[in-house]
Protein backbone atom coordinates (compact mmCIF):
# COMPACT_ATOMS: atom_id res chain seq x y z
CA MET A 1 55.32 -20.85 -21.86
CA PRO A 2 55.65 -18.57 -18.80
CA PRO A 3 57.44 -19.85 -15.74
CA ILE A 4 55.39 -21.87 -13.29
CA GLU A 5 55.58 -19.08 -10.69
CA ASP A 6 53.86 -16.63 -13.07
CA ARG A 7 51.14 -19.15 -13.81
CA ILE A 8 50.57 -19.76 -10.10
CA ILE A 9 50.33 -16.02 -9.44
CA ARG A 10 47.75 -15.61 -12.24
CA LEU A 11 45.74 -18.52 -10.88
CA GLU A 12 45.83 -17.03 -7.39
CA GLU A 13 44.65 -13.68 -8.79
CA LYS A 14 41.79 -15.37 -10.60
CA ILE A 15 40.79 -17.26 -7.47
CA ALA A 16 40.82 -14.03 -5.45
CA TYR A 17 38.65 -12.36 -8.09
CA LEU A 18 36.21 -15.29 -8.08
CA GLU A 19 36.02 -15.26 -4.28
CA GLN A 20 35.17 -11.55 -4.36
CA THR A 21 32.57 -12.11 -7.07
CA PHE A 22 30.97 -14.96 -5.12
CA GLY A 23 30.86 -12.75 -2.02
CA ASP A 24 29.20 -9.93 -3.98
CA LEU A 25 26.67 -12.32 -5.53
CA ASP A 26 25.92 -13.83 -2.13
CA GLU A 27 25.10 -10.35 -0.78
CA VAL A 28 22.75 -9.76 -3.71
CA VAL A 29 21.01 -13.10 -3.21
CA GLN A 30 20.61 -12.47 0.52
CA GLY A 31 19.14 -9.02 -0.18
CA LEU A 32 16.71 -10.48 -2.71
CA ASN A 33 15.74 -13.20 -0.26
CA ARG A 34 14.99 -10.59 2.41
CA ARG A 35 12.87 -8.69 -0.13
CA VAL A 36 10.95 -11.87 -1.05
CA VAL A 37 10.27 -12.56 2.63
CA ASP A 38 9.07 -8.96 3.13
CA LEU A 39 6.78 -9.18 0.10
CA ARG A 40 5.43 -12.56 1.20
CA ASP A 41 4.65 -11.13 4.65
CA ALA A 42 2.97 -8.09 3.08
CA MET A 43 0.82 -10.36 0.88
CA ARG A 44 -0.16 -12.43 3.91
CA ASP A 45 -1.14 -9.25 5.78
CA LEU A 46 -3.18 -8.03 2.81
CA ARG A 47 -5.01 -11.34 2.59
CA THR A 48 -5.91 -11.25 6.28
CA HIS A 49 -7.32 -7.71 5.99
CA MET A 50 -9.20 -8.10 2.71
CA THR A 51 -12.96 -8.44 2.64
CA PRO A 52 -14.08 -11.59 0.85
CA ILE A 53 -15.94 -11.01 -2.40
CA ASP A 54 -19.68 -11.65 -2.18
CA PRO A 55 -20.73 -13.30 -5.47
CA SER A 56 -24.33 -12.07 -5.00
CA ARG A 57 -23.23 -8.39 -4.99
CA LYS A 58 -24.16 -6.26 -7.99
CA PRO A 59 -22.25 -3.23 -9.37
CA GLU A 60 -25.12 -0.93 -8.33
CA ASP A 61 -24.54 -2.02 -4.72
CA ASP A 62 -21.22 -0.16 -4.85
CA VAL A 63 -22.54 3.36 -5.42
CA PRO A 64 -20.16 5.88 -3.82
CA PRO A 65 -21.60 7.56 -0.71
CA HIS A 66 -21.44 11.08 -2.21
CA TYR A 67 -23.96 10.05 -4.92
CA GLY A 68 -26.64 9.68 -2.24
CA PRO A 69 -30.18 8.46 -2.83
CA GLY A 70 -32.26 10.18 -5.47
CA LEU A 71 -29.40 11.72 -7.45
């Protein structure tokens, strides 16, 4: 069995590695959270600008303007 000092050093190295990993993961989670907030805000904006669907509308009501009457 290695001396206690070597074991302590290895444990300290592992703790340092874990602290770095947790820091990196925290940055990723924060970035993803910001992205979720941005997407949620974009969805809210889309909903406020969308025209409600009229159930009485028919497909022929949506003829593109360049088709014009009588074509």
